[in-house]
Amino acid sequence: MQQGLGSSTWWEEAEYKQLETASLRALFVLDKLIKRDIAKFQAAWTVAFPGRLMCEPSQIQPAEATRGPWLVILTRMGATWSAPQLN
């Protein structure tokens, strides 16, 4: 099993490259996370946004997820941080 989310390939997908706004790119990432493991995503969402249930992915407004909630969600979903590789 690969370590982390395997998100490094997401940025090369044609669908992602066509997205012109940060909001659309955020929705793309959120959709990937939900499809990866909805139960884990809902648990991460509960920690990132205490007291706010996420019943439907369409309820998510990307602008609401500032740096703090993003870090919580990504970390709880299994993201690992690595330094960029320089050639």
PDB file of N, CA and C in Angstrom:
ATOM      1  N   MET A   1       0.848  -1.186   0.000  1.00  0.00           N
ATOM      2  CA  MET A   1       0.000   0.000   0.000  1.00  0.00           C
ATOM      3  C   MET A   1       0.887   1.240   0.000  1.00  0.00           C
ATOM      4  N   GLN A   2       0.538   2.191  -0.835  1.00  0.00           N
ATOM      5  CA  GLN A   2       1.371   3.386  -0.911  1.00  0.00           C
ATOM      6  C   GLN A   2       1.168   4.273   0.300  1.00  0.00           C
ATOM      7  N   GLN A   3       2.225   4.983   0.635  1.00  0.00           N
ATOM      8  CA  GLN A   3       2.173   5.879   1.784  1.00  0.00           C
ATOM      9  C   GLN A   3       1.537   7.191   1.359  1.00  0.00           C
ATOM     10  N   GLY A   4       0.812   7.815   2.256  1.00  0.00           N
ATOM     11  CA  GLY A   4       0.176   9.097   1.956  1.00  0.00           C
ATOM     12  C   GLY A   4      -1.081   8.919   1.124  1.00  0.00           C
ATOM     13  N   LEU A   5      -1.464   9.974   0.436  1.00  0.00           N
ATOM     14  CA  LEU A   5      -2.698   9.964  -0.343  1.00  0.00           C
ATOM     15  C   LEU A   5      -2.481   9.615  -1.811  1.00  0.00           C
ATOM     16  N   GLY A   6      -1.250   9.669  -2.276  1.00  0.00           N
ATOM     17  CA  GLY A   6      -0.999   9.452  -3.694  1.00  0.00           C
ATOM     18  C   GLY A   6      -1.471  10.630  -4.534  1.00  0.00           C
ATOM     19  N   SER A   7      -1.541  11.789  -3.889  1.00  0.00           N
ATOM     20  CA  SER A   7      -2.095  12.964  -4.560  1.00  0.00           C
ATOM     21  C   SER A   7      -1.163  13.581  -5.596  1.00  0.00           C
ATOM     22  N   SER A   8       0.082  13.193  -5.612  1.00  0.00           N
ATOM     23  CA  SER A   8       1.012  13.809  -6.563  1.00  0.00           C
ATOM     24  C   SER A   8       0.573  13.599  -8.007  1.00  0.00           C
ATOM     25  N   THR A   9      -0.181  12.551  -8.274  1.00  0.00           N
ATOM     26  CA  THR A   9      -0.658  12.311  -9.643  1.00  0.00           C
ATOM     27  C   THR A   9      -1.915  13.111  -9.973  1.00  0.00           C
ATOM     28  N   TRP A  10      -2.612  13.603  -8.954  1.00  0.00           N
ATOM     29  CA  TRP A  10      -3.849  14.345  -9.201  1.00  0.00           C
ATOM     30  C   TRP A  10      -3.597  15.590 -10.036  1.00  0.00           C
ATOM     31  N   TRP A  11      -2.464  16.237  -9.818  1.00  0.00           N
ATOM     32  CA  TRP A  11      -2.185  17.523 -10.474  1.00  0.00           C
ATOM     33  C   TRP A  11      -1.925  17.345 -11.966  1.00  0.00           C
ATOM     34  N   GLU A  12      -1.664  16.123 -12.384  1.00  0.00           N
ATOM     35  CA  GLU A  12      -1.407  15.847 -13.798  1.00  0.00           C
ATOM     36  C   GLU A  12      -2.670  15.426 -14.551  1.00  0.00           C
ATOM     37  N   GLU A  13      -3.765  15.196 -13.847  1.00  0.00           N
ATOM     38  CA  GLU A  13      -5.001  14.771 -14.487  1.00  0.00           C
ATOM     39  C   GLU A  13      -5.581  15.900 -15.334  1.00  0.00           C
ATOM     40  N   ALA A  14      -6.086  15.529 -16.497  1.00  0.00           N
ATOM     41  CA  ALA A  14      -6.654  16.518 -17.422  1.00  0.00           C
ATOM     42  C   ALA A  14      -7.772  17.323 -16.766  1.00  0.00           C
ATOM     43  N   GLU A  15      -8.595  16.650 -15.976  1.00  0.00           N
ATOM     44  CA  GLU A  15      -9.707  17.329 -15.304  1.00  0.00           C
ATOM     45  C   GLU A  15      -9.194  18.452 -14.391  1.00  0.00           C
ATOM     46  N   TYR A  16      -8.129  18.175 -13.634  1.00  0.00           N
ATOM     47  CA  TYR A  16      -7.564  19.171 -12.723  1.00  0.00           C
ATOM     48  C   TYR A  16      -6.964  20.341 -13.510  1.00  0.00           C
ATOM     49  N   LYS A  17      -6.257  20.018 -14.576  1.00  0.00           N
ATOM     50  CA  LYS A  17      -5.586  21.066 -15.362  1.00  0.00           C
ATOM     51  C   LYS A  17      -6.567  22.047 -15.987  1.00  0.00           C
ATOM     52  N   GLN A  18      -7.802  21.622 -16.201  1.00  0.00           N
ATOM     53  CA  GLN A  18      -8.808  22.489 -16.813  1.00  0.00           C
ATOM     54  C   GLN A  18      -9.456  23.445 -15.815  1.00  0.00           C
ATOM     55  N   LEU A  19      -9.255  23.214 -14.535  1.00  0.00           N
ATOM     56  CA  LEU A  19      -9.899  24.039 -13.512  1.00  0.00           C
ATOM     57  C   LEU A  19      -9.174  25.367 -13.378  1.00  0.00           C
ATOM     58  N   GLU A  20      -9.935  26.447 -13.497  1.00  0.00           N
ATOM     59  CA  GLU A  20      -9.324  27.775 -13.552  1.00  0.00           C
ATOM     60  C   GLU A  20      -9.321  28.542 -12.238  1.00  0.00           C
ATOM     61  N   THR A  21     -10.077  28.076 -11.246  1.00  0.00           N
ATOM     62  CA  THR A  21     -10.137  28.835  -9.992  1.00  0.00           C
ATOM     63  C   THR A  21      -9.709  27.959  -8.821  1.00  0.00           C
ATOM     64  N   ALA A  22      -9.277  28.618  -7.766  1.00  0.00           N
ATOM     65  CA  ALA A  22      -8.884  27.897  -6.549  1.00  0.00           C
ATOM     66  C   ALA A  22     -10.073  27.132  -5.971  1.00  0.00           C
ATOM     67  N   SER A  23     -11.262  27.701  -6.086  1.00  0.00           N
ATOM     68  CA  SER A  23     -12.466  27.039  -5.568  1.00  0.00           C
ATOM     69  C   SER A  23     -12.721  25.728  -6.293  1.00  0.00           C
ATOM     70  N   LEU A  24     -12.619  25.741  -7.597  1.00  0.00           N
ATOM     71  CA  LEU A  24     -12.833  24.517  -8.375  1.00  0.00           C
ATOM     72  C   LEU A  24     -11.754  23.482  -8.087  1.00  0.00           C
ATOM     73  N   ARG A  25     -10.526  23.933  -7.922  1.00  0.00           N
ATOM     74  CA  ARG A  25      -9.441  22.996  -7.590  1.00  0.00           C
ATOM     75  C   ARG A  25      -9.661  22.397  -6.202  1.00  0.00           C
ATOM     76  N   ALA A  26     -10.152  23.205  -5.270  1.00  0.00           N
ATOM     77  CA  ALA A  26     -10.442  22.700  -3.924  1.00  0.00           C
ATOM     78  C   ALA A  26     -11.542  21.646  -3.977  1.00  0.00           C
ATOM     79  N   LEU A  27     -12.588  21.897  -4.761  1.00  0.00           N
ATOM     80  CA  LEU A  27     -13.665  20.911  -4.898  1.00  0.00           C
ATOM     81  C   LEU A  27     -13.138  19.615  -5.510  1.00  0.00           C
ATOM     82  N   PHE A  28     -12.227  19.732  -6.451  1.00  0.00           N
ATOM     83  CA  PHE A  28     -11.611  18.554  -7.065  1.00  0.00           C
ATOM     84  C   PHE A  28     -10.907  17.717  -6.000  1.00  0.00           C
ATOM     85  N   VAL A  29     -10.119  18.374  -5.161  1.00  0.00           N
ATOM     86  CA  VAL A  29      -9.382  17.668  -4.105  1.00  0.00           C
ATOM     87  C   VAL A  29     -10.355  17.062  -3.095  1.00  0.00           C
ATOM     88  N   LEU A  30     -11.347  17.815  -2.685  1.00  0.00           N
ATOM     89  CA  LEU A  30     -12.323  17.298  -1.741  1.00  0.00           C
ATOM     90  C   LEU A  30     -13.045  16.076  -2.307  1.00  0.00           C
ATOM     91  N   ASP A  31     -13.378  16.131  -3.583  1.00  0.00           N
ATOM     92  CA  ASP A  31     -14.035  14.994  -4.230  1.00  0.00           C
ATOM     93  C   ASP A  31     -13.133  13.759  -4.217  1.00  0.00           C
ATOM     94  N   LYS A  32     -11.852  13.951  -4.483  1.00  0.00           N
ATOM     95  CA  LYS A  32     -10.896  12.833  -4.448  1.00  0.00           C
ATOM     96  C   LYS A  32     -10.834  12.226  -3.052  1.00  0.00           C
ATOM     97  N   LEU A  33     -10.807  13.080  -2.045  1.00  0.00           N
ATOM     98  CA  LEU A  33     -10.725  12.595  -0.663  1.00  0.00           C
ATOM     99  C   LEU A  33     -11.987  11.836  -0.262  1.00  0.00           C
ATOM    100  N   ILE A  34     -13.137  12.358  -0.667  1.00  0.00           N
ATOM    101  CA  ILE A  34     -14.410  11.709  -0.350  1.00  0.00           C
ATOM    102  C   ILE A  34     -14.476  10.341  -1.026  1.00  0.00           C
ATOM    103  N   LYS A  35     -14.076  10.284  -2.280  1.00  0.00           N
ATOM    104  CA  LYS A  35     -14.115   9.011  -3.016  1.00  0.00           C
ATOM    105  C   LYS A  35     -13.109   8.010  -2.459  1.00  0.00           C
ATOM    106  N   ARG A  36     -12.043   8.508  -1.898  1.00  0.00           N
ATOM    107  CA  ARG A  36     -11.019   7.625  -1.336  1.00  0.00           C
ATOM    108  C   ARG A  36     -11.540   6.889  -0.104  1.00  0.00           C
ATOM    109  N   ASP A  37     -12.210   7.629   0.800  1.00  0.00           N
ATOM    110  CA  ASP A  37     -12.711   7.015   2.034  1.00  0.00           C
ATOM    111  C   ASP A  37     -13.697   7.981   2.689  1.00  0.00           C
ATOM    112  N   ILE A  38     -14.977   7.814   2.388  1.00  0.00           N
ATOM    113  CA  ILE A  38     -15.996   8.743   2.869  1.00  0.00           C
ATOM    114  C   ILE A  38     -16.080   8.759   4.393  1.00  0.00           C
ATOM    115  N   ALA A  39     -15.939   7.606   5.032  1.00  0.00           N
ATOM    116  CA  ALA A  39     -16.022   7.558   6.502  1.00  0.00           C
ATOM    117  C   ALA A  39     -14.872   8.332   7.135  1.00  0.00           C
ATOM    118  N   LYS A  40     -13.674   8.139   6.605  1.00  0.00           N
ATOM    119  CA  LYS A  40     -12.512   8.844   7.140  1.00  0.00           C
ATOM    120  C   LYS A  40     -12.644  10.350   6.874  1.00  0.00           C
ATOM    121  N   PHE A  41     -13.176  10.702   5.691  1.00  0.00           N
ATOM    122  CA  PHE A  41     -13.374  12.107   5.366  1.00  0.00           C
ATOM    123  C   PHE A  41     -14.372  12.744   6.334  1.00  0.00           C
ATOM    124  N   GLN A  42     -15.479  12.060   6.591  1.00  0.00           N
ATOM    125  CA  GLN A  42     -16.482  12.612   7.507  1.00  0.00           C
ATOM    126  C   GLN A  42     -15.907  12.787   8.912  1.00  0.00           C
ATOM    127  N   ALA A  43     -15.076  11.850   9.344  1.00  0.00           N
ATOM    128  CA  ALA A  43     -14.437  11.974  10.660  1.00  0.00           C
ATOM    129  C   ALA A  43     -13.494  13.180  10.678  1.00  0.00           C
ATOM    130  N   ALA A  44     -12.730  13.359   9.609  1.00  0.00           N
ATOM    131  CA  ALA A  44     -11.813  14.498   9.514  1.00  0.00           C
ATOM    132  C   ALA A  44     -12.599  15.808   9.470  1.00  0.00           C
ATOM    133  N   TRP A  45     -13.711  15.811   8.737  1.00  0.00           N
ATOM    134  CA  TRP A  45     -14.564  16.998   8.624  1.00  0.00           C
ATOM    135  C   TRP A  45     -15.092  17.402   9.997  1.00  0.00           C
ATOM    136  N   THR A  46     -15.484  16.407  10.803  1.00  0.00           N
ATOM    137  CA  THR A  46     -16.022  16.658  12.139  1.00  0.00           C
ATOM    138  C   THR A  46     -14.988  17.340  13.032  1.00  0.00           C
ATOM    139  N   VAL A  47     -13.732  16.965  12.883  1.00  0.00           N
ATOM    140  CA  VAL A  47     -12.670  17.595  13.664  1.00  0.00           C
ATOM    141  C   VAL A  47     -12.369  18.994  13.119  1.00  0.00           C
ATOM    142  N   ALA A  48     -12.344  19.124  11.799  1.00  0.00           N
ATOM    143  CA  ALA A  48     -12.031  20.416  11.178  1.00  0.00           C
ATOM    144  C   ALA A  48     -13.135  21.445  11.403  1.00  0.00           C
ATOM    145  N   PHE A  49     -14.383  20.963  11.431  1.00  0.00           N
ATOM    146  CA  PHE A  49     -15.535  21.841  11.599  1.00  0.00           C
ATOM    147  C   PHE A  49     -16.431  21.298  12.714  1.00  0.00           C
ATOM    148  N   PRO A  50     -16.022  21.464  13.982  1.00  0.00           N
ATOM    149  CA  PRO A  50     -16.800  20.931  15.104  1.00  0.00           C
ATOM    150  C   PRO A  50     -18.243  21.434  15.090  1.00  0.00           C
ATOM    151  N   GLY A  51     -19.160  20.518  15.329  1.00  0.00           N
ATOM    152  CA  GLY A  51     -20.561  20.879  15.393  1.00  0.00           C
ATOM    153  C   GLY A  51     -21.252  21.023  14.057  1.00  0.00           C
ATOM    154  N   ARG A  52     -20.526  20.801  12.981  1.00  0.00           N
ATOM    155  CA  ARG A  52     -21.132  20.929  11.656  1.00  0.00           C
ATOM    156  C   ARG A  52     -21.048  19.594  10.928  1.00  0.00           C
ATOM    157  N   LEU A  53     -22.188  18.970  10.728  1.00  0.00           N
ATOM    158  CA  LEU A  53     -22.214  17.693  10.033  1.00  0.00           C
ATOM    159  C   LEU A  53     -22.096  17.896   8.532  1.00  0.00           C
ATOM    160  N   MET A  54     -21.459  16.952   7.887  1.00  0.00           N
ATOM    161  CA  MET A  54     -21.343  16.970   6.434  1.00  0.00           C
ATOM    162  C   MET A  54     -22.137  15.783   5.930  1.00  0.00           C
ATOM    163  N   CYS A  55     -23.391  16.037   5.557  1.00  0.00           N
ATOM    164  CA  CYS A  55     -24.268  14.957   5.108  1.00  0.00           C
ATOM    165  C   CYS A  55     -24.140  14.714   3.610  1.00  0.00           C
ATOM    166  N   GLU A  56     -23.900  15.755   2.869  1.00  0.00           N
ATOM    167  CA  GLU A  56     -23.781  15.667   1.416  1.00  0.00           C
ATOM    168  C   GLU A  56     -22.552  16.447   0.964  1.00  0.00           C
ATOM    169  N   PRO A  57     -21.755  15.874   0.054  1.00  0.00           N
ATOM    170  CA  PRO A  57     -20.594  16.616  -0.458  1.00  0.00           C
ATOM    171  C   PRO A  57     -20.968  17.966  -1.050  1.00  0.00           C
ATOM    172  N   SER A  58     -22.189  18.100  -1.578  1.00  0.00           N
ATOM    173  CA  SER A  58     -22.602  19.382  -2.173  1.00  0.00           C
ATOM    174  C   SER A  58     -22.729  20.490  -1.137  1.00  0.00           C
ATOM    175  N   GLN A  59     -22.725  20.132   0.154  1.00  0.00           N
ATOM    176  CA  GLN A  59     -22.801  21.131   1.219  1.00  0.00           C
ATOM    177  C   GLN A  59     -21.467  21.835   1.442  1.00  0.00           C
ATOM    178  N   ILE A  60     -20.417  21.306   0.889  1.00  0.00           N
ATOM    179  CA  ILE A  60     -19.082  21.851   1.120  1.00  0.00           C
ATOM    180  C   ILE A  60     -18.881  23.102   0.274  1.00  0.00           C
ATOM    181  N   GLN A  61     -18.469  24.147   0.940  1.00  0.00           N
ATOM    182  CA  GLN A  61     -18.086  25.379   0.263  1.00  0.00           C
ATOM    183  C   GLN A  61     -16.572  25.502   0.402  1.00  0.00           C
ATOM    184  N   PRO A  62     -15.820  25.376  -0.679  1.00  0.00           N
ATOM    185  CA  PRO A  62     -14.360  25.355  -0.580  1.00  0.00           C
ATOM    186  C   PRO A  62     -13.757  26.555   0.137  1.00  0.00           C
ATOM    187  N   ALA A  63     -14.374  27.706   0.019  1.00  0.00           N
ATOM    188  CA  ALA A  63     -13.830  28.910   0.659  1.00  0.00           C
ATOM    189  C   ALA A  63     -13.859  28.795   2.181  1.00  0.00           C
ATOM    190  N   GLU A  64     -14.708  27.930   2.710  1.00  0.00           N
ATOM    191  CA  GLU A  64     -14.794  27.730   4.155  1.00  0.00           C
ATOM    192  C   GLU A  64     -13.564  27.001   4.698  1.00  0.00           C
ATOM    193  N   ALA A  65     -12.952  26.220   3.857  1.00  0.00           N
ATOM    194  CA  ALA A  65     -11.799  25.427   4.291  1.00  0.00           C
ATOM    195  C   ALA A  65     -10.540  26.276   4.145  1.00  0.00           C
ATOM    196  N   THR A  66     -10.235  26.980   5.222  1.00  0.00           N
ATOM    197  CA  THR A  66      -9.013  27.786   5.237  1.00  0.00           C
ATOM    198  C   THR A  66      -7.841  26.870   5.575  1.00  0.00           C
ATOM    199  N   ARG A  67      -6.680  27.426   5.765  1.00  0.00           N
ATOM    200  CA  ARG A  67      -5.466  26.636   5.982  1.00  0.00           C
ATOM    201  C   ARG A  67      -5.601  25.632   7.135  1.00  0.00           C
ATOM    202  N   GLY A  68      -6.155  26.076   8.260  1.00  0.00           N
ATOM    203  CA  GLY A  68      -6.284  25.195   9.420  1.00  0.00           C
ATOM    204  C   GLY A  68      -7.131  23.960   9.139  1.00  0.00           C
ATOM    205  N   PRO A  69      -8.379  24.152   8.667  1.00  0.00           N
ATOM    206  CA  PRO A  69      -9.198  22.989   8.350  1.00  0.00           C
ATOM    207  C   PRO A  69      -8.587  22.091   7.265  1.00  0.00           C
ATOM    208  N   TRP A  70      -7.947  22.697   6.264  1.00  0.00           N
ATOM    209  CA  TRP A  70      -7.297  21.881   5.226  1.00  0.00           C
ATOM    210  C   TRP A  70      -6.232  20.983   5.850  1.00  0.00           C
ATOM    211  N   LEU A  71      -5.424  21.550   6.728  1.00  0.00           N
ATOM    212  CA  LEU A  71      -4.373  20.746   7.365  1.00  0.00           C
ATOM    213  C   LEU A  71      -4.965  19.606   8.180  1.00  0.00           C
ATOM    214  N   VAL A  72      -6.044  19.885   8.899  1.00  0.00           N
ATOM    215  CA  VAL A  72      -6.705  18.847   9.689  1.00  0.00           C
ATOM    216  C   VAL A  72      -7.225  17.743   8.772  1.00  0.00           C
ATOM    217  N   ILE A  73      -7.956  18.131   7.740  1.00  0.00           N
ATOM    218  CA  ILE A  73      -8.556  17.144   6.834  1.00  0.00           C
ATOM    219  C   ILE A  73      -7.478  16.323   6.140  1.00  0.00           C
ATOM    220  N   LEU A  74      -6.487  16.986   5.568  1.00  0.00           N
ATOM    221  CA  LEU A  74      -5.445  16.261   4.830  1.00  0.00           C
ATOM    222  C   LEU A  74      -4.647  15.332   5.733  1.00  0.00           C
ATOM    223  N   THR A  75      -4.302  15.797   6.917  1.00  0.00           N
ATOM    224  CA  THR A  75      -3.526  14.975   7.842  1.00  0.00           C
ATOM    225  C   THR A  75      -4.332  13.760   8.285  1.00  0.00           C
ATOM    226  N   ARG A  76      -5.585  13.974   8.636  1.00  0.00           N
ATOM    227  CA  ARG A  76      -6.426  12.855   9.084  1.00  0.00           C
ATOM    228  C   ARG A  76      -6.755  11.891   7.951  1.00  0.00           C
ATOM    229  N   MET A  77      -6.681  12.356   6.720  1.00  0.00           N
ATOM    230  CA  MET A  77      -6.910  11.478   5.582  1.00  0.00           C
ATOM    231  C   MET A  77      -5.659  10.669   5.229  1.00  0.00           C
ATOM    232  N   GLY A  78      -4.518  11.038   5.838  1.00  0.00           N
ATOM    233  CA  GLY A  78      -3.306  10.264   5.616  1.00  0.00           C
ATOM    234  C   GLY A  78      -2.230  10.958   4.807  1.00  0.00           C
ATOM    235  N   ALA A  79      -2.396  12.243   4.588  1.00  0.00           N
ATOM    236  CA  ALA A  79      -1.388  12.978   3.826  1.00  0.00           C
ATOM    237  C   ALA A  79      -0.056  12.959   4.558  1.00  0.00           C
ATOM    238  N   THR A  80       0.985  12.840   3.802  1.00  0.00           N
ATOM    239  CA  THR A  80       2.331  12.962   4.348  1.00  0.00           C
ATOM    240  C   THR A  80       2.990  14.137   3.650  1.00  0.00           C
ATOM    241  N   TRP A  81       3.887  14.759   4.347  1.00  0.00           N
ATOM    242  CA  TRP A  81       4.542  15.945   3.802  1.00  0.00           C
ATOM    243  C   TRP A  81       5.958  15.583   3.418  1.00  0.00           C
ATOM    244  N   SER A  82       6.330  15.951   2.225  1.00  0.00           N
ATOM    245  CA  SER A  82       7.701  15.711   1.789  1.00  0.00           C
ATOM    246  C   SER A  82       8.216  16.956   1.092  1.00  0.00           C
ATOM    247  N   ALA A  83       9.499  17.172   1.225  1.00  0.00           N
ATOM    248  CA  ALA A  83      10.119  18.331   0.588  1.00  0.00           C
ATOM    249  C   ALA A  83      10.129  18.104  -0.931  1.00  0.00           C
ATOM    250  N   PRO A  84       9.965  19.171  -1.684  1.00  0.00           N
ATOM    251  CA  PRO A  84      10.021  19.020  -3.140  1.00  0.00           C
ATOM    252  C   PRO A  84      11.400  18.522  -3.558  1.00  0.00           C
ATOM    253  N   GLN A  85      11.423  17.695  -4.565  1.00  0.00           N
ATOM    254  CA  GLN A  85      12.692  17.192  -5.069  1.00  0.00           C
ATOM    255  C   GLN A  85      13.250  18.148  -6.092  1.00  0.00           C
ATOM    256  N   LEU A  86      14.466  18.555  -5.884  1.00  0.00           N
ATOM    257  CA  LEU A  86      15.132  19.463  -6.801  1.00  0.00           C
ATOM    258  C   LEU A  86      15.993  18.662  -7.767  1.00  0.00           C
ATOM    259  N   ASN A  87      15.928  19.016  -9.008  1.00  0.00           N
ATOM    260  CA  ASN A  87      16.737  18.317 -10.024  1.00  0.00           C
ATOM    261  C   ASN A  87      18.069  18.977 -10.206  1.00  0.00           C
TER     262      ASN A  87
END
